[in-house]
All heavy atoms as atom14 arrays in JSON, in Angstrom:
{
  "sequence": "EGYKPWRKTLKVKPQIVTEIKNIILIPKDIQTK",
  "atom14_mask": [
    [1, 1, 1, 1, 1, 1, 1, 1, 1, 0, 0, 0, 0, 0],
    [1, 1, 1, 1, 0, 0, 0, 0, 0, 0, 0, 0, 0, 0],
    [1, 1, 1, 1, 1, 1, 1, 1, 1, 1, 1, 1, 0, 0],
    [1, 1, 1, 1, 1, 1, 1, 1, 1, 0, 0, 0, 0, 0],
    [1, 1, 1, 1, 1, 1, 1, 0, 0, 0, 0, 0, 0, 0],
    [1, 1, 1, 1, 1, 1, 1, 1, 1, 1, 1, 1, 1, 1],
    [1, 1, 1, 1, 1, 1, 1, 1, 1, 1, 1, 0, 0, 0],
    [1, 1, 1, 1, 1, 1, 1, 1, 1, 0, 0, 0, 0, 0],
    [1, 1, 1, 1, 1, 1, 1, 0, 0, 0, 0, 0, 0, 0],
    [1, 1, 1, 1, 1, 1, 1, 1, 0, 0, 0, 0, 0, 0],
    [1, 1, 1, 1, 1, 1, 1, 1, 1, 0, 0, 0, 0, 0],
    [1, 1, 1, 1, 1, 1, 1, 0, 0, 0, 0, 0, 0, 0],
    [1, 1, 1, 1, 1, 1, 1, 1, 1, 0, 0, 0, 0, 0],
    [1, 1, 1, 1, 1, 1, 1, 0, 0, 0, 0, 0, 0, 0],
    [1, 1, 1, 1, 1, 1, 1, 1, 1, 0, 0, 0, 0, 0],
    [1, 1, 1, 1, 1, 1, 1, 1, 0, 0, 0, 0, 0, 0],
    [1, 1, 1, 1, 1, 1, 1, 0, 0, 0, 0, 0, 0, 0],
    [1, 1, 1, 1, 1, 1, 1, 0, 0, 0, 0, 0, 0, 0],
    [1, 1, 1, 1, 1, 1, 1, 1, 1, 0, 0, 0, 0, 0],
    [1, 1, 1, 1, 1, 1, 1, 1, 0, 0, 0, 0, 0, 0],
    [1, 1, 1, 1, 1, 1, 1, 1, 1, 0, 0, 0, 0, 0],
    [1, 1, 1, 1, 1, 1, 1, 1, 0, 0, 0, 0, 0, 0],
    [1, 1, 1, 1, 1, 1, 1, 1, 0, 0, 0, 0, 0, 0],
    [1, 1, 1, 1, 1, 1, 1, 1, 0, 0, 0, 0, 0, 0],
    [1, 1, 1, 1, 1, 1, 1, 1, 0, 0, 0, 0, 0, 0],
    [1, 1, 1, 1, 1, 1, 1, 1, 0, 0, 0, 0, 0, 0],
    [1, 1, 1, 1, 1, 1, 1, 0, 0, 0, 0, 0, 0, 0],
    [1, 1, 1, 1, 1, 1, 1, 1, 1, 0, 0, 0, 0, 0],
    [1, 1, 1, 1, 1, 1, 1, 1, 0, 0, 0, 0, 0, 0],
    [1, 1, 1, 1, 1, 1, 1, 1, 0, 0, 0, 0, 0, 0],
    [1, 1, 1, 1, 1, 1, 1, 1, 1, 0, 0, 0, 0, 0],
    [1, 1, 1, 1, 1, 1, 1, 0, 0, 0, 0, 0, 0, 0],
    [1, 1, 1, 1, 1, 1, 1, 1, 1, 0, 0, 0, 0, 0]
  ],
  "atom14_positions": [
    [[-0.12, -11.53, -5.22], [-0.9, -12.21, -6.32], [-2.41, -12.22, -5.97], [-2.81, -12.47, -4.85], [-0.4, -13.7, -6.37], [-1.1, -14.37, -7.62], [-0.53, -15.83, -7.7], [0.39, -16.26, -7.01], [-1.1, -16.61, -8.62], [0.0, 0.0, 0.0], [0.0, 0.0, 0.0], [0.0, 0.0, 0.0], [0.0, 0.0, 0.0], [0.0, 0.0, 0.0]],
    [[-3.12, -11.76, -6.98], [-4.62, -11.71, -6.83], [-5.06, -10.37, -6.3], [-6.27, -10.18, -6.11], [0.0, 0.0, 0.0], [0.0, 0.0, 0.0], [0.0, 0.0, 0.0], [0.0, 0.0, 0.0], [0.0, 0.0, 0.0], [0.0, 0.0, 0.0], [0.0, 0.0, 0.0], [0.0, 0.0, 0.0], [0.0, 0.0, 0.0], [0.0, 0.0, 0.0]],
    [[-4.11, -9.44, -6.01], [-4.45, -8.15, -5.44], [-3.94, -7.01, -6.29], [-2.85, -7.2, -6.99], [-3.93, -7.99, -4.03], [-4.69, -8.88, -3.03], [-4.31, -10.21, -2.91], [-5.68, -8.39, -2.25], [-4.96, -11.05, -2.0], [-6.29, -9.19, -1.33], [-5.98, -10.53, -1.2], [-6.58, -11.33, -0.3], [0.0, 0.0, 0.0], [0.0, 0.0, 0.0]],
    [[-4.57, -5.88, -6.25], [-4.09, -4.7, -7.01], [-2.86, -4.15, -6.22], [-2.75, -4.19, -5.0], [-5.14, -3.58, -7.01], [-6.38, -4.01, -7.83], [-7.39, -2.86, -7.8], [-8.68, -3.27, -8.59], [-9.66, -2.16, -8.58], [0.0, 0.0, 0.0], [0.0, 0.0, 0.0], [0.0, 0.0, 0.0], [0.0, 0.0, 0.0], [0.0, 0.0, 0.0]],
    [[-1.78, -3.76, -6.99], [-0.56, -3.24, -6.35], [-0.84, -1.93, -5.64], [-1.65, -1.08, -6.09], [0.4, -3.05, -7.52], [-0.48, -2.94, -8.78], [-1.73, -3.76, -8.5], [0.0, 0.0, 0.0], [0.0, 0.0, 0.0], [0.0, 0.0, 0.0], [0.0, 0.0, 0.0], [0.0, 0.0, 0.0], [0.0, 0.0, 0.0], [0.0, 0.0, 0.0]],
    [[-0.21, -1.76, -4.48], [-0.23, -0.52, -3.74], [1.02, 0.21, -4.02], [2.12, -0.31, -3.99], [-0.37, -0.88, -2.23], [-0.42, 0.23, -1.33], [-1.46, 0.91, -0.75], [0.77, 0.98, -0.82], [-1.04, 1.91, -0.02], [0.29, 2.03, 0.05], [2.12, 0.87, -0.97], [1.13, 2.91, 0.71], [3.03, 1.75, -0.25], [2.5, 2.75, 0.56]],
    [[0.91, 1.52, -4.24], [2.05, 2.26, -4.7], [1.98, 3.64, -4.05], [0.9, 4.3, -4.03], [2.1, 2.42, -6.23], [3.36, 3.09, -6.76], [3.28, 3.22, -8.27], [3.2, 1.99, -9.0], [2.09, 1.51, -9.51], [1.0, 2.27, -9.54], [2.01, 0.37, -10.18], [0.0, 0.0, 0.0], [0.0, 0.0, 0.0], [0.0, 0.0, 0.0]],
    [[3.1, 4.16, -3.64], [3.16, 5.5, -2.96], [4.62, 5.97, -3.05], [5.56, 5.27, -2.79], [2.68, 5.53, -1.55], [2.67, 6.89, -0.95], [2.01, 6.88, 0.43], [0.61, 6.7, 0.4], [-0.14, 6.96, 1.73], [0.0, 0.0, 0.0], [0.0, 0.0, 0.0], [0.0, 0.0, 0.0], [0.0, 0.0, 0.0], [0.0, 0.0, 0.0]],
    [[4.76, 7.28, -3.42], [6.07, 7.92, -3.41], [6.28, 8.61, -2.12], [5.5, 9.43, -1.65], [6.18, 8.95, -4.55], [5.98, 8.26, -5.8], [7.52, 9.63, -4.6], [0.0, 0.0, 0.0], [0.0, 0.0, 0.0], [0.0, 0.0, 0.0], [0.0, 0.0, 0.0], [0.0, 0.0, 0.0], [0.0, 0.0, 0.0], [0.0, 0.0, 0.0]],
    [[7.38, 8.32, -1.43], [7.71, 8.75, -0.1], [9.06, 9.6, -0.02], [9.9, 9.18, -0.77], [7.76, 7.57, 0.92], [6.51, 6.71, 1.03], [6.89, 5.48, 1.83], [5.4, 7.48, 1.71], [0.0, 0.0, 0.0], [0.0, 0.0, 0.0], [0.0, 0.0, 0.0], [0.0, 0.0, 0.0], [0.0, 0.0, 0.0], [0.0, 0.0, 0.0]],
    [[9.03, 10.56, 0.78], [10.26, 11.36, 0.88], [11.03, 10.95, 2.16], [10.49, 10.93, 3.29], [9.96, 12.91, 1.0], [11.19, 13.72, 1.04], [10.82, 15.23, 1.06], [12.04, 16.11, 1.01], [11.79, 17.51, 1.07], [0.0, 0.0, 0.0], [0.0, 0.0, 0.0], [0.0, 0.0, 0.0], [0.0, 0.0, 0.0], [0.0, 0.0, 0.0]],
    [[12.28, 10.5, 2.0], [13.1, 10.08, 3.12], [14.0, 11.22, 3.54], [14.62, 11.89, 2.68], [13.99, 8.89, 2.69], [15.01, 8.54, 3.81], [13.13, 7.61, 2.4], [0.0, 0.0, 0.0], [0.0, 0.0, 0.0], [0.0, 0.0, 0.0], [0.0, 0.0, 0.0], [0.0, 0.0, 0.0], [0.0, 0.0, 0.0], [0.0, 0.0, 0.0]],
    [[13.97, 11.52, 4.83], [14.74, 12.65, 5.44], [15.86, 12.07, 6.26], [15.69, 11.0, 6.8], [13.84, 13.57, 6.2], [12.73, 14.16, 5.41], [11.8, 15.1, 6.3], [10.69, 15.7, 5.52], [9.94, 16.57, 6.36], [0.0, 0.0, 0.0], [0.0, 0.0, 0.0], [0.0, 0.0, 0.0], [0.0, 0.0, 0.0], [0.0, 0.0, 0.0]],
    [[16.91, 12.8, 6.49], [18.04, 12.35, 7.29], [17.66, 12.07, 8.71], [16.9, 12.83, 9.27], [19.01, 13.58, 7.23], [18.6, 14.3, 6.0], [17.17, 14.16, 5.83], [0.0, 0.0, 0.0], [0.0, 0.0, 0.0], [0.0, 0.0, 0.0], [0.0, 0.0, 0.0], [0.0, 0.0, 0.0], [0.0, 0.0, 0.0], [0.0, 0.0, 0.0]],
    [[18.11, 10.91, 9.22], [17.9, 10.49, 10.58], [16.46, 10.33, 10.99], [16.08, 10.32, 12.17], [18.57, 11.48, 11.54], [20.11, 11.57, 11.44], [20.64, 12.55, 12.43], [20.62, 13.76, 12.2], [21.21, 12.02, 13.47], [0.0, 0.0, 0.0], [0.0, 0.0, 0.0], [0.0, 0.0, 0.0], [0.0, 0.0, 0.0], [0.0, 0.0, 0.0]],
    [[15.51, 10.17, 10.01], [14.12, 9.99, 10.28], [13.62, 8.76, 9.52], [13.92, 8.49, 8.43], [13.3, 11.19, 9.77], [13.68, 12.41, 10.66], [11.79, 10.94, 9.95], [12.92, 13.7, 10.18], [0.0, 0.0, 0.0], [0.0, 0.0, 0.0], [0.0, 0.0, 0.0], [0.0, 0.0, 0.0], [0.0, 0.0, 0.0], [0.0, 0.0, 0.0]],
    [[12.8, 7.93, 10.26], [12.19, 6.75, 9.73], [10.77, 7.16, 9.3], [9.93, 7.51, 10.14], [12.18, 5.59, 10.65], [11.4, 4.4, 10.06], [13.61, 5.11, 10.98], [0.0, 0.0, 0.0], [0.0, 0.0, 0.0], [0.0, 0.0, 0.0], [0.0, 0.0, 0.0], [0.0, 0.0, 0.0], [0.0, 0.0, 0.0], [0.0, 0.0, 0.0]],
    [[10.54, 7.06, 7.99], [9.16, 7.34, 7.48], [8.31, 6.14, 7.59], [8.67, 5.07, 7.09], [9.25, 7.81, 6.06], [10.07, 9.0, 5.91], [7.86, 8.11, 5.44], [0.0, 0.0, 0.0], [0.0, 0.0, 0.0], [0.0, 0.0, 0.0], [0.0, 0.0, 0.0], [0.0, 0.0, 0.0], [0.0, 0.0, 0.0], [0.0, 0.0, 0.0]],
    [[7.19, 6.23, 8.32], [6.34, 5.04, 8.56], [5.19, 5.04, 7.59], [4.48, 6.01, 7.34], [5.85, 5.09, 10.02], [6.86, 4.84, 11.09], [6.28, 4.76, 12.44], [5.17, 5.33, 12.65], [6.87, 4.15, 13.32], [0.0, 0.0, 0.0], [0.0, 0.0, 0.0], [0.0, 0.0, 0.0], [0.0, 0.0, 0.0], [0.0, 0.0, 0.0]],
    [[4.93, 3.81, 7.05], [3.66, 3.63, 6.32], [3.0, 2.35, 6.91], [3.54, 1.22, 6.71], [3.87, 3.51, 4.82], [5.13, 2.63, 4.49], [3.98, 4.8, 4.17], [5.31, 2.34, 3.0], [0.0, 0.0, 0.0], [0.0, 0.0, 0.0], [0.0, 0.0, 0.0], [0.0, 0.0, 0.0], [0.0, 0.0, 0.0], [0.0, 0.0, 0.0]],
    [[2.04, 2.56, 7.68], [1.36, 1.46, 8.45], [-0.07, 1.15, 7.86], [-0.63, 1.95, 7.14], [1.26, 1.81, 9.86], [2.57, 1.9, 10.61], [2.37, 2.19, 12.08], [3.63, 2.28, 12.84], [3.39, 2.57, 14.28], [0.0, 0.0, 0.0], [0.0, 0.0, 0.0], [0.0, 0.0, 0.0], [0.0, 0.0, 0.0], [0.0, 0.0, 0.0]],
    [[-0.55, 0.0, 8.27], [-1.99, -0.37, 8.02], [-2.26, -0.27, 6.54], [-3.39, 0.2, 6.09], [-2.9, 0.59, 8.82], [-2.56, 0.65, 10.26], [-2.51, -0.38, 10.99], [-2.23, 1.84, 10.76], [0.0, 0.0, 0.0], [0.0, 0.0, 0.0], [0.0, 0.0, 0.0], [0.0, 0.0, 0.0], [0.0, 0.0, 0.0], [0.0, 0.0, 0.0]],
    [[-1.38, -0.79, 5.73], [-1.65, -0.8, 4.22], [-2.72, -1.87, 3.94], [-2.58, -3.0, 4.45], [-0.38, -1.09, 3.47], [0.67, 0.05, 3.71], [-0.63, -1.23, 1.98], [2.07, -0.25, 3.15], [0.0, 0.0, 0.0], [0.0, 0.0, 0.0], [0.0, 0.0, 0.0], [0.0, 0.0, 0.0], [0.0, 0.0, 0.0], [0.0, 0.0, 0.0]],
    [[-3.69, -1.5, 3.2], [-4.74, -2.45, 2.78], [-4.59, -2.69, 1.3], [-4.62, -1.82, 0.47], [-6.13, -1.97, 3.16], [-6.28, -1.92, 4.66], [-7.25, -2.86, 2.55], [-7.72, -1.4, 5.1], [0.0, 0.0, 0.0], [0.0, 0.0, 0.0], [0.0, 0.0, 0.0], [0.0, 0.0, 0.0], [0.0, 0.0, 0.0], [0.0, 0.0, 0.0]],
    [[-4.54, -3.99, 0.97], [-4.48, -4.41, -0.5], [-5.88, -4.78, -0.92], [-6.67, -5.42, -0.19], [-3.51, -5.52, -0.72], [-2.08, -5.35, -0.33], [-1.27, -6.53, -0.52], [-1.49, -4.16, -0.94], [0.0, 0.0, 0.0], [0.0, 0.0, 0.0], [0.0, 0.0, 0.0], [0.0, 0.0, 0.0], [0.0, 0.0, 0.0], [0.0, 0.0, 0.0]],
    [[-6.28, -4.29, -2.13], [-7.65, -4.52, -2.64], [-7.62, -5.62, -3.65], [-6.76, -5.6, -4.55], [-8.19, -3.21, -3.29], [-8.13, -2.07, -2.36], [-9.61, -3.4, -3.82], [-8.93, -2.22, -1.1], [0.0, 0.0, 0.0], [0.0, 0.0, 0.0], [0.0, 0.0, 0.0], [0.0, 0.0, 0.0], [0.0, 0.0, 0.0], [0.0, 0.0, 0.0]],
    [[-8.43, -6.66, -3.51], [-8.57, -7.71, -4.48], [-8.72, -7.22, -5.92], [-9.49, -6.24, -6.12], [-9.73, -8.59, -4.07], [-9.86, -8.28, -2.63], [-9.47, -6.84, -2.43], [0.0, 0.0, 0.0], [0.0, 0.0, 0.0], [0.0, 0.0, 0.0], [0.0, 0.0, 0.0], [0.0, 0.0, 0.0], [0.0, 0.0, 0.0], [0.0, 0.0, 0.0]],
    [[-8.18, -7.85, -6.94], [-8.4, -7.47, -8.34], [-9.82, -7.71, -8.7], [-10.45, -6.89, -9.39], [-7.47, -8.23, -9.23], [-5.97, -7.8, -9.1], [-5.13, -8.55, -10.05], [-3.65, -8.12, -9.95], [-2.73, -8.86, -10.91], [0.0, 0.0, 0.0], [0.0, 0.0, 0.0], [0.0, 0.0, 0.0], [0.0, 0.0, 0.0], [0.0, 0.0, 0.0]],
    [[-10.39, -8.76, -8.32], [-11.78, -9.13, -8.65], [-12.66, -9.18, -7.42], [-12.47, -10.1, -6.58], [-11.79, -10.49, -9.32], [-11.01, -10.57, -10.65], [-11.17, -9.48, -11.43], [-10.39, -11.54, -10.97], [0.0, 0.0, 0.0], [0.0, 0.0, 0.0], [0.0, 0.0, 0.0], [0.0, 0.0, 0.0], [0.0, 0.0, 0.0], [0.0, 0.0, 0.0]],
    [[-13.33, -8.11, -7.18], [-14.24, -7.99, -6.1], [-15.54, -8.68, -6.36], [-16.25, -8.28, -7.26], [-14.42, -6.54, -5.62], [-13.14, -5.89, -5.27], [-15.42, -6.44, -4.39], [-13.24, -4.41, -4.92], [0.0, 0.0, 0.0], [0.0, 0.0, 0.0], [0.0, 0.0, 0.0], [0.0, 0.0, 0.0], [0.0, 0.0, 0.0], [0.0, 0.0, 0.0]],
    [[-15.88, -9.75, -5.57], [-17.12, -10.46, -5.85], [-18.26, -9.81, -5.04], [-18.14, -9.56, -3.91], [-16.9, -11.94, -5.39], [-15.83, -12.73, -6.13], [-16.11, -12.81, -7.61], [-17.25, -13.0, -8.05], [-15.04, -12.73, -8.46], [0.0, 0.0, 0.0], [0.0, 0.0, 0.0], [0.0, 0.0, 0.0], [0.0, 0.0, 0.0], [0.0, 0.0, 0.0]],
    [[-19.37, -9.59, -5.75], [-20.54, -9.03, -5.13], [-21.79, -9.99, -5.33], [-21.76, -10.74, -6.34], [-20.9, -7.64, -5.67], [-21.14, -7.71, -7.0], [-19.76, -6.67, -5.37], [0.0, 0.0, 0.0], [0.0, 0.0, 0.0], [0.0, 0.0, 0.0], [0.0, 0.0, 0.0], [0.0, 0.0, 0.0], [0.0, 0.0, 0.0], [0.0, 0.0, 0.0]],
    [[-22.69, -9.88, -4.46], [-23.86, -10.69, -4.64], [-25.11, -9.86, -4.3], [-25.09, -9.06, -3.4], [-23.9, -12.02, -3.84], [-23.78, -11.76, -2.33], [-23.68, -13.04, -1.59], [-23.61, -12.78, -0.1], [-23.53, -14.1, 0.72], [0.0, 0.0, 0.0], [0.0, 0.0, 0.0], [0.0, 0.0, 0.0], [0.0, 0.0, 0.0], [0.0, 0.0, 0.0]]
  ]
}
């Protein structure tokens, strides 16, 4: 809630764990001054 959704299409292979680390979510409303 309050962040833009993160989305990615990944290919799963036999006997292998596909890792997606260090995901950063971006706020929907970025405040600047």
